[in-house]
N, C-alpha and C. Protein backbone atom coordinates (compact mmCIF):
# COMPACT_ATOMS: atom_id res chain seq x y z
N MET A 1 154.39 184.28 113.52
CA MET A 1 155.37 183.36 112.96
C MET A 1 155.85 182.38 114.03
N ASP A 2 156.04 182.86 115.26
CA ASP A 2 156.50 182.00 116.33
C ASP A 2 155.49 180.91 116.62
N LEU A 3 154.18 181.25 116.51
CA LEU A 3 153.13 180.27 116.75
C LEU A 3 153.20 179.15 115.72
N GLN A 4 153.40 179.51 114.45
CA GLN A 4 153.52 178.51 113.39
C GLN A 4 154.72 177.59 113.66
N LYS A 5 155.82 178.20 114.11
CA LYS A 5 157.03 177.43 114.39
C LYS A 5 156.77 176.45 115.54
N LYS A 6 156.03 176.91 116.56
CA LYS A 6 155.70 176.05 117.70
C LYS A 6 154.85 174.87 117.24
N PHE A 7 153.82 175.15 116.42
CA PHE A 7 152.95 174.08 115.93
C PHE A 7 153.75 173.09 115.08
N HIS A 8 154.65 173.61 114.24
CA HIS A 8 155.47 172.74 113.40
C HIS A 8 156.37 171.86 114.27
N THR A 9 156.96 172.44 115.31
CA THR A 9 157.84 171.69 116.21
C THR A 9 157.06 170.59 116.93
N ASN A 10 155.86 170.92 117.44
CA ASN A 10 155.03 169.92 118.11
C ASN A 10 154.66 168.79 117.16
N ASN A 11 154.28 169.14 115.94
CA ASN A 11 153.90 168.14 114.95
C ASN A 11 155.10 167.26 114.61
N LEU A 12 156.26 167.87 114.48
CA LEU A 12 157.48 167.13 114.17
C LEU A 12 157.82 166.16 115.31
N PHE A 13 157.65 166.62 116.56
CA PHE A 13 157.92 165.78 117.72
C PHE A 13 156.98 164.57 117.75
N ILE A 14 155.69 164.79 117.54
CA ILE A 14 154.72 163.69 117.57
C ILE A 14 155.01 162.69 116.45
N ASN A 15 155.26 163.20 115.25
CA ASN A 15 155.57 162.30 114.13
C ASN A 15 156.88 161.55 114.36
N GLY A 16 157.89 162.24 114.90
CA GLY A 16 159.17 161.59 115.19
C GLY A 16 159.01 160.49 116.23
N PHE A 17 158.22 160.77 117.28
CA PHE A 17 157.97 159.77 118.31
C PHE A 17 157.23 158.57 117.71
N GLY A 18 156.27 158.85 116.84
CA GLY A 18 155.52 157.76 116.19
C GLY A 18 156.43 156.90 115.34
N PHE A 19 157.31 157.50 114.57
CA PHE A 19 158.22 156.73 113.73
C PHE A 19 159.22 155.95 114.58
N LEU A 20 159.65 156.52 115.69
CA LEU A 20 160.54 155.80 116.59
C LEU A 20 159.85 154.57 117.15
N LEU A 21 158.58 154.73 117.54
CA LEU A 21 157.79 153.61 118.05
C LEU A 21 157.65 152.52 116.98
N VAL A 22 157.36 152.94 115.76
CA VAL A 22 157.24 151.99 114.65
C VAL A 22 158.57 151.27 114.44
N GLY A 23 159.65 152.02 114.50
CA GLY A 23 160.98 151.43 114.31
C GLY A 23 161.30 150.40 115.39
N VAL A 24 160.96 150.70 116.64
CA VAL A 24 161.21 149.75 117.74
C VAL A 24 160.42 148.46 117.51
N PHE A 25 159.14 148.57 117.15
CA PHE A 25 158.33 147.37 116.86
C PHE A 25 158.95 146.58 115.71
N PHE A 26 159.35 147.27 114.68
CA PHE A 26 159.91 146.61 113.49
C PHE A 26 161.19 145.86 113.85
N VAL A 27 162.09 146.53 114.56
CA VAL A 27 163.37 145.90 114.92
C VAL A 27 163.15 144.72 115.87
N SER A 28 162.27 144.91 116.88
CA SER A 28 162.07 143.80 117.84
C SER A 28 161.45 142.58 117.15
N THR A 29 160.52 142.81 116.22
CA THR A 29 159.91 141.68 115.51
C THR A 29 160.93 141.05 114.57
N SER A 30 161.74 141.86 113.92
CA SER A 30 162.78 141.32 113.03
C SER A 30 163.74 140.42 113.82
N ILE A 31 164.12 140.86 115.00
CA ILE A 31 165.02 140.05 115.85
C ILE A 31 164.32 138.76 116.26
N SER A 32 163.02 138.85 116.60
CA SER A 32 162.27 137.65 117.00
C SER A 32 162.19 136.66 115.84
N VAL A 33 161.97 137.14 114.62
CA VAL A 33 161.92 136.25 113.45
C VAL A 33 163.30 135.65 113.22
N TYR A 34 164.35 136.46 113.33
CA TYR A 34 165.71 135.98 113.11
C TYR A 34 166.07 134.89 114.12
N ASN A 35 165.63 135.06 115.37
CA ASN A 35 165.92 134.07 116.43
C ASN A 35 164.89 132.94 116.45
N SER A 36 164.04 132.88 115.47
CA SER A 36 163.00 131.85 115.34
C SER A 36 162.01 131.88 116.50
N GLU A 37 161.85 133.03 117.13
CA GLU A 37 160.87 133.17 118.21
C GLU A 37 159.51 133.58 117.64
N ALA A 38 159.50 134.09 116.41
CA ALA A 38 158.25 134.49 115.75
C ALA A 38 158.31 134.02 114.31
N SER A 39 157.14 133.81 113.73
CA SER A 39 157.09 133.31 112.35
C SER A 39 157.12 134.46 111.36
N ILE A 40 157.34 134.10 110.10
CA ILE A 40 157.28 135.08 109.01
C ILE A 40 155.88 135.67 108.94
N GLY A 41 154.85 134.89 109.24
CA GLY A 41 153.47 135.38 109.24
C GLY A 41 153.27 136.47 110.27
N ALA A 42 153.90 136.31 111.45
CA ALA A 42 153.82 137.33 112.49
C ALA A 42 154.51 138.60 112.03
N PHE A 43 155.64 138.42 111.34
CA PHE A 43 156.37 139.56 110.80
C PHE A 43 155.52 140.29 109.76
N ALA A 44 154.88 139.54 108.87
CA ALA A 44 154.02 140.14 107.84
C ALA A 44 152.84 140.86 108.49
N GLY A 45 152.29 140.28 109.55
CA GLY A 45 151.20 140.92 110.28
C GLY A 45 151.65 142.23 110.91
N LEU A 46 152.87 142.24 111.46
CA LEU A 46 153.39 143.46 112.07
C LEU A 46 153.60 144.54 111.02
N VAL A 47 154.15 144.16 109.88
CA VAL A 47 154.35 145.14 108.80
C VAL A 47 153.01 145.73 108.36
N SER A 48 152.00 144.89 108.25
CA SER A 48 150.66 145.38 107.90
C SER A 48 150.13 146.32 108.97
N PHE A 49 150.33 145.95 110.24
CA PHE A 49 149.88 146.80 111.35
C PHE A 49 150.59 148.15 111.32
N LEU A 50 151.91 148.11 111.08
CA LEU A 50 152.68 149.36 111.06
C LEU A 50 152.26 150.25 109.89
N ALA A 51 151.92 149.62 108.77
CA ALA A 51 151.46 150.39 107.61
C ALA A 51 150.16 151.13 107.93
N GLN A 52 149.34 150.55 108.79
CA GLN A 52 148.10 151.21 109.19
C GLN A 52 148.33 152.19 110.34
N LEU A 53 149.32 151.94 111.18
CA LEU A 53 149.58 152.78 112.34
C LEU A 53 150.23 154.11 111.96
N THR A 54 151.11 154.08 110.99
CA THR A 54 151.85 155.29 110.61
C THR A 54 150.93 156.45 110.21
N PRO A 55 149.94 156.26 109.32
CA PRO A 55 149.05 157.39 109.00
C PRO A 55 148.23 157.86 110.21
N MET A 56 147.91 156.93 111.11
CA MET A 56 147.17 157.33 112.31
C MET A 56 148.00 158.26 113.17
N ILE A 57 149.28 157.95 113.33
CA ILE A 57 150.18 158.80 114.12
C ILE A 57 150.31 160.17 113.46
N ASN A 58 150.46 160.19 112.14
CA ASN A 58 150.53 161.46 111.41
C ASN A 58 149.24 162.26 111.60
N ASN A 59 148.11 161.57 111.61
CA ASN A 59 146.82 162.23 111.76
C ASN A 59 146.70 162.88 113.14
N VAL A 60 147.24 162.23 114.17
CA VAL A 60 147.21 162.81 115.51
C VAL A 60 147.97 164.13 115.52
N GLY A 61 149.14 164.15 114.90
CA GLY A 61 149.93 165.39 114.84
C GLY A 61 149.20 166.48 114.09
N SER A 62 148.62 166.14 112.96
CA SER A 62 147.88 167.13 112.16
C SER A 62 146.66 167.65 112.91
N THR A 63 145.97 166.75 113.60
CA THR A 63 144.78 167.14 114.35
C THR A 63 145.16 168.09 115.48
N LEU A 64 146.24 167.78 116.20
CA LEU A 64 146.68 168.67 117.27
C LEU A 64 147.10 170.04 116.73
N LYS A 65 147.76 170.04 115.58
CA LYS A 65 148.15 171.30 114.95
C LYS A 65 146.91 172.11 114.60
N SER A 66 145.92 171.49 113.97
CA SER A 66 144.67 172.18 113.61
C SER A 66 143.95 172.68 114.85
N PHE A 67 143.92 171.88 115.89
CA PHE A 67 143.27 172.27 117.14
C PHE A 67 143.93 173.53 117.70
N ASN A 68 145.26 173.54 117.75
CA ASN A 68 145.97 174.70 118.29
C ASN A 68 145.76 175.94 117.45
N ILE A 69 145.75 175.79 116.13
CA ILE A 69 145.50 176.95 115.26
C ILE A 69 144.09 177.47 115.47
N ASN A 70 143.11 176.57 115.55
CA ASN A 70 141.72 177.00 115.78
C ASN A 70 141.56 177.65 117.15
N LYS A 71 142.23 177.10 118.15
CA LYS A 71 142.18 177.69 119.49
C LYS A 71 142.73 179.11 119.46
N ASN A 72 143.83 179.32 118.75
CA ASN A 72 144.41 180.64 118.63
C ASN A 72 143.46 181.59 117.90
N ASN A 73 142.82 181.11 116.83
CA ASN A 73 141.87 181.94 116.09
C ASN A 73 140.68 182.34 116.95
N ILE A 74 140.19 181.41 117.75
CA ILE A 74 139.06 181.71 118.65
C ILE A 74 139.48 182.75 119.68
N ASN A 75 140.69 182.62 120.23
CA ASN A 75 141.17 183.60 121.19
C ASN A 75 141.28 184.98 120.57
N GLU A 76 141.76 185.07 119.32
CA GLU A 76 141.83 186.35 118.63
C GLU A 76 140.45 186.93 118.41
N LEU A 77 139.50 186.09 118.05
CA LEU A 77 138.13 186.54 117.83
C LEU A 77 137.51 187.05 119.13
N LEU A 78 137.71 186.33 120.22
CA LEU A 78 137.19 186.77 121.51
C LEU A 78 137.83 188.09 121.94
N SER A 79 139.12 188.24 121.70
CA SER A 79 139.81 189.49 122.03
C SER A 79 139.24 190.64 121.21
N PHE A 80 139.00 190.40 119.93
CA PHE A 80 138.41 191.42 119.06
C PHE A 80 137.02 191.80 119.55
N TYR A 81 136.22 190.80 119.93
CA TYR A 81 134.86 191.06 120.40
C TYR A 81 134.88 191.88 121.69
N GLN A 82 135.80 191.55 122.61
CA GLN A 82 135.90 192.32 123.85
C GLN A 82 136.29 193.77 123.56
N GLU A 83 137.22 193.97 122.62
CA GLU A 83 137.62 195.33 122.25
C GLU A 83 136.46 196.06 121.59
N TYR A 84 135.70 195.36 120.76
CA TYR A 84 134.53 195.96 120.10
C TYR A 84 133.50 196.40 121.14
N GLU A 85 133.22 195.54 122.11
CA GLU A 85 132.25 195.88 123.15
C GLU A 85 132.71 197.07 123.97
N THR A 86 134.01 197.12 124.30
CA THR A 86 134.55 198.25 125.06
C THR A 86 134.40 199.54 124.26
N ASN A 87 134.75 199.50 122.98
CA ASN A 87 134.64 200.69 122.13
C ASN A 87 133.19 201.11 121.96
N ARG A 88 132.29 200.13 121.88
CA ARG A 88 130.87 200.43 121.71
C ARG A 88 130.32 201.15 122.94
N MET A 89 130.79 200.76 124.13
CA MET A 89 130.33 201.43 125.36
C MET A 89 130.76 202.89 125.35
N TYR A 90 132.01 203.17 124.93
CA TYR A 90 132.49 204.54 124.88
C TYR A 90 131.82 205.33 123.76
N ALA A 91 131.50 204.66 122.66
CA ALA A 91 130.89 205.34 121.51
C ALA A 91 129.49 205.85 121.82
N LYS A 92 128.80 205.26 122.80
CA LYS A 92 127.45 205.72 123.15
C LYS A 92 127.48 207.16 123.66
N ASN A 93 128.61 207.59 124.22
CA ASN A 93 128.71 208.93 124.78
C ASN A 93 129.18 209.96 123.75
N VAL A 94 129.55 209.51 122.56
CA VAL A 94 130.05 210.42 121.53
C VAL A 94 128.89 210.92 120.69
N LYS A 95 128.81 212.22 120.53
CA LYS A 95 127.76 212.83 119.70
C LYS A 95 128.40 213.32 118.40
N ILE A 96 127.85 212.89 117.28
CA ILE A 96 128.34 213.32 115.98
C ILE A 96 127.57 214.57 115.57
N GLN A 97 128.29 215.61 115.29
CA GLN A 97 127.67 216.87 114.94
C GLN A 97 127.53 216.98 113.43
N GLN A 98 126.34 217.35 113.00
CA GLN A 98 126.10 217.60 111.59
C GLN A 98 126.60 219.01 111.27
N PRO A 99 127.06 219.24 110.06
CA PRO A 99 127.48 220.60 109.71
C PRO A 99 126.30 221.55 109.87
N SER A 100 126.56 222.72 110.44
CA SER A 100 125.47 223.65 110.71
C SER A 100 124.98 224.32 109.43
N SER A 101 125.86 224.48 108.45
CA SER A 101 125.40 225.07 107.20
C SER A 101 125.95 224.29 106.03
N GLY A 102 125.13 224.05 105.05
CA GLY A 102 125.58 223.40 103.83
C GLY A 102 125.86 221.93 104.00
N GLY A 103 126.93 221.49 103.35
CA GLY A 103 127.27 220.09 103.36
C GLY A 103 126.81 219.40 102.08
N LEU A 104 126.31 220.17 101.12
CA LEU A 104 125.83 219.60 99.86
C LEU A 104 127.03 219.11 99.04
N ILE A 105 126.96 217.87 98.59
CA ILE A 105 127.98 217.31 97.70
C ILE A 105 127.33 217.18 96.33
N ARG A 106 127.99 217.75 95.31
CA ARG A 106 127.42 217.71 93.96
C ARG A 106 128.49 217.26 92.97
N LEU A 107 128.15 216.26 92.17
CA LEU A 107 129.01 215.78 91.10
C LEU A 107 128.41 216.24 89.79
N GLU A 108 129.22 216.84 88.94
CA GLU A 108 128.76 217.31 87.64
C GLU A 108 129.55 216.62 86.53
N ASN A 109 128.86 215.80 85.75
CA ASN A 109 129.45 215.12 84.60
C ASN A 109 130.78 214.44 84.93
N VAL A 110 130.82 213.76 86.08
CA VAL A 110 132.05 213.09 86.52
C VAL A 110 132.22 211.79 85.75
N SER A 111 133.41 211.65 85.16
CA SER A 111 133.79 210.43 84.45
C SER A 111 135.13 209.99 85.00
N PHE A 112 135.39 208.69 84.91
CA PHE A 112 136.66 208.18 85.39
C PHE A 112 137.07 206.97 84.58
N MET A 113 138.36 206.94 84.24
CA MET A 113 138.98 205.74 83.66
C MET A 113 140.36 205.61 84.28
N PHE A 114 140.77 204.39 84.50
CA PHE A 114 142.08 204.15 85.08
C PHE A 114 143.16 204.49 84.06
N PRO A 115 144.36 204.88 84.54
CA PRO A 115 145.46 205.16 83.61
C PRO A 115 145.75 203.94 82.72
N ASN A 116 146.16 204.21 81.52
CA ASN A 116 146.48 203.18 80.53
C ASN A 116 145.26 202.34 80.15
N SER A 117 144.07 202.90 80.31
CA SER A 117 142.85 202.21 79.94
C SER A 117 142.05 203.12 79.02
N GLU A 118 141.28 202.53 78.15
CA GLU A 118 140.42 203.32 77.27
C GLU A 118 138.95 203.13 77.63
N LYS A 119 138.66 202.37 78.67
CA LYS A 119 137.30 202.08 79.06
C LYS A 119 136.92 202.91 80.29
N TYR A 120 135.82 203.62 80.19
CA TYR A 120 135.32 204.40 81.32
C TYR A 120 134.72 203.46 82.37
N ILE A 121 135.10 203.70 83.62
CA ILE A 121 134.47 203.00 84.74
C ILE A 121 133.19 203.75 85.10
N LEU A 122 133.28 205.08 85.12
CA LEU A 122 132.13 205.97 85.32
C LEU A 122 132.09 206.94 84.14
N HIS A 123 130.87 207.28 83.69
CA HIS A 123 130.77 208.19 82.55
C HIS A 123 129.61 209.16 82.77
N ASN A 124 129.95 210.45 82.85
CA ASN A 124 128.98 211.54 83.00
C ASN A 124 128.01 211.32 84.16
N VAL A 125 128.56 211.08 85.35
CA VAL A 125 127.73 210.89 86.54
C VAL A 125 127.37 212.26 87.11
N ASN A 126 126.07 212.47 87.32
CA ASN A 126 125.56 213.68 87.96
C ASN A 126 124.82 213.24 89.21
N LEU A 127 125.17 213.86 90.34
CA LEU A 127 124.63 213.40 91.61
C LEU A 127 124.65 214.53 92.61
N GLU A 128 123.59 214.62 93.44
CA GLU A 128 123.56 215.55 94.56
C GLU A 128 123.25 214.78 95.83
N ILE A 129 124.07 215.01 96.85
CA ILE A 129 123.84 214.40 98.17
C ILE A 129 123.65 215.56 99.14
N HIS A 130 122.45 215.67 99.70
CA HIS A 130 122.11 216.77 100.60
C HIS A 130 122.53 216.44 102.03
N PRO A 131 122.77 217.47 102.85
CA PRO A 131 123.15 217.23 104.26
C PRO A 131 122.12 216.36 104.97
N GLY A 132 122.60 215.37 105.71
CA GLY A 132 121.72 214.47 106.45
C GLY A 132 121.14 213.35 105.63
N GLU A 133 121.34 213.41 104.33
CA GLU A 133 120.79 212.38 103.43
C GLU A 133 121.70 211.15 103.45
N THR A 134 121.09 209.99 103.39
CA THR A 134 121.83 208.73 103.32
C THR A 134 121.74 208.21 101.90
N LEU A 135 122.89 207.79 101.37
CA LEU A 135 122.94 207.30 100.00
C LEU A 135 123.43 205.87 100.01
N ALA A 136 122.72 205.00 99.31
CA ALA A 136 123.16 203.62 99.12
C ALA A 136 123.61 203.48 97.68
N ILE A 137 124.82 202.99 97.50
CA ILE A 137 125.35 202.77 96.16
C ILE A 137 125.29 201.27 95.91
N VAL A 138 124.44 200.85 94.99
CA VAL A 138 124.28 199.43 94.70
C VAL A 138 124.51 199.18 93.22
N GLY A 139 124.90 197.97 92.89
CA GLY A 139 125.11 197.63 91.49
C GLY A 139 125.88 196.33 91.37
N LEU A 140 126.04 195.91 90.15
CA LEU A 140 126.75 194.68 89.87
C LEU A 140 128.24 194.83 90.17
N ILE A 141 128.92 193.71 90.29
CA ILE A 141 130.37 193.72 90.47
C ILE A 141 130.99 194.41 89.26
N GLY A 142 131.89 195.36 89.54
CA GLY A 142 132.58 196.05 88.46
C GLY A 142 131.81 197.22 87.89
N ALA A 143 130.67 197.59 88.51
CA ALA A 143 129.86 198.68 87.98
C ALA A 143 130.43 200.06 88.32
N GLY A 144 131.38 200.12 89.29
CA GLY A 144 132.00 201.40 89.63
C GLY A 144 131.60 201.96 90.98
N LYS A 145 130.99 201.14 91.84
CA LYS A 145 130.54 201.61 93.16
C LYS A 145 131.71 202.10 94.00
N THR A 146 132.75 201.29 94.12
CA THR A 146 133.91 201.66 94.93
C THR A 146 134.65 202.82 94.31
N THR A 147 134.73 202.84 93.00
CA THR A 147 135.38 203.95 92.30
C THR A 147 134.66 205.25 92.59
N LEU A 148 133.34 205.24 92.55
CA LEU A 148 132.55 206.43 92.86
C LEU A 148 132.82 206.90 94.29
N ALA A 149 132.83 205.97 95.24
CA ALA A 149 133.12 206.33 96.64
C ALA A 149 134.52 206.91 96.78
N ASN A 150 135.49 206.33 96.07
CA ASN A 150 136.87 206.84 96.13
C ASN A 150 136.99 208.23 95.51
N ILE A 151 136.21 208.50 94.49
CA ILE A 151 136.22 209.84 93.88
C ILE A 151 135.62 210.85 94.84
N ILE A 152 134.49 210.51 95.45
CA ILE A 152 133.85 211.43 96.40
C ILE A 152 134.77 211.70 97.59
N ALA A 153 135.48 210.66 98.06
CA ALA A 153 136.39 210.82 99.19
C ALA A 153 137.66 211.57 98.82
N GLY A 154 137.93 211.70 97.51
CA GLY A 154 139.12 212.41 97.07
C GLY A 154 140.32 211.52 96.86
N PHE A 155 140.14 210.21 96.93
CA PHE A 155 141.26 209.30 96.70
C PHE A 155 141.60 209.17 95.22
N TYR A 156 140.59 209.31 94.36
CA TYR A 156 140.79 209.29 92.91
C TYR A 156 140.38 210.66 92.36
N GLU A 157 141.08 211.10 91.35
CA GLU A 157 140.73 212.34 90.67
C GLU A 157 139.91 211.98 89.43
N PRO A 158 138.76 212.63 89.24
CA PRO A 158 137.95 212.31 88.06
C PRO A 158 138.73 212.62 86.78
N THR A 159 138.53 211.78 85.77
CA THR A 159 139.13 212.03 84.47
C THR A 159 138.47 213.27 83.84
N GLU A 160 137.18 213.39 84.04
CA GLU A 160 136.41 214.53 83.54
C GLU A 160 135.38 214.92 84.59
N GLY A 161 134.92 216.17 84.53
CA GLY A 161 133.87 216.64 85.43
C GLY A 161 134.43 217.23 86.71
N ARG A 162 133.52 217.72 87.55
CA ARG A 162 133.92 218.40 88.78
C ARG A 162 133.10 217.90 89.96
N ILE A 163 133.67 218.07 91.15
CA ILE A 163 132.98 217.76 92.40
C ILE A 163 132.94 219.05 93.21
N TYR A 164 131.77 219.36 93.76
CA TYR A 164 131.60 220.56 94.57
C TYR A 164 131.08 220.17 95.95
N ILE A 165 131.64 220.81 96.98
CA ILE A 165 131.11 220.66 98.34
C ILE A 165 130.75 222.06 98.80
N ASN A 166 129.47 222.23 99.16
CA ASN A 166 128.94 223.55 99.53
C ASN A 166 129.22 224.57 98.43
N GLY A 167 129.16 224.13 97.18
CA GLY A 167 129.36 225.03 96.05
C GLY A 167 130.81 225.34 95.75
N VAL A 168 131.75 224.80 96.52
CA VAL A 168 133.18 225.07 96.31
C VAL A 168 133.79 223.88 95.58
N ASP A 169 134.57 224.18 94.53
CA ASP A 169 135.24 223.14 93.77
C ASP A 169 136.14 222.34 94.72
N TYR A 170 135.99 221.06 94.68
CA TYR A 170 136.63 220.16 95.64
C TYR A 170 137.85 219.52 95.02
N PRO A 171 139.06 219.92 95.48
CA PRO A 171 140.27 219.27 94.93
C PRO A 171 140.46 217.89 95.56
N PRO A 172 141.01 216.96 94.82
CA PRO A 172 141.26 215.63 95.39
C PRO A 172 142.37 215.70 96.44
N LEU A 173 142.51 214.64 97.26
CA LEU A 173 143.50 214.58 98.32
C LEU A 173 144.93 214.60 97.77
N SER A 174 145.11 214.21 96.51
CA SER A 174 146.45 214.10 95.96
C SER A 174 147.09 215.46 95.73
N GLU A 175 146.30 216.52 95.73
CA GLU A 175 146.89 217.87 95.49
C GLU A 175 147.50 218.45 96.73
């Protein structure tokens, strides 16, 4: 939030300075016309010039604001990348242990519908995932891929059916 405030303040300063500059030109030319030192044509030319100058000054402020925001985003990305690389170096030394026995995940006639809905997201899904096996869940948007993953993880409780891990009935995390 402080960064946004800083960018807004800088933009306000640049625009204020630009309008002050425009005002000084306008007043000095008005005085010159009044004192007959400049013609009405010169005054009209200045007004036309100022009409073109004002959006340019605003554009400078907006460009600087965008530049600063992009610079900040790049710095955050570089910081994230450095943290990722550091974590990746440490992760090379970590060994993931597979369960020594079992690990079978089995879904039997699992169905799911959201509360206050009459439409099944999943209906009578039967699935076995063996230890060490990799499963890819693919499908169209809204087909229930994320819902299935949330049920297996225990975040959602099936409306019908059971989940077993190593043959043991698997209660959801909510219990």
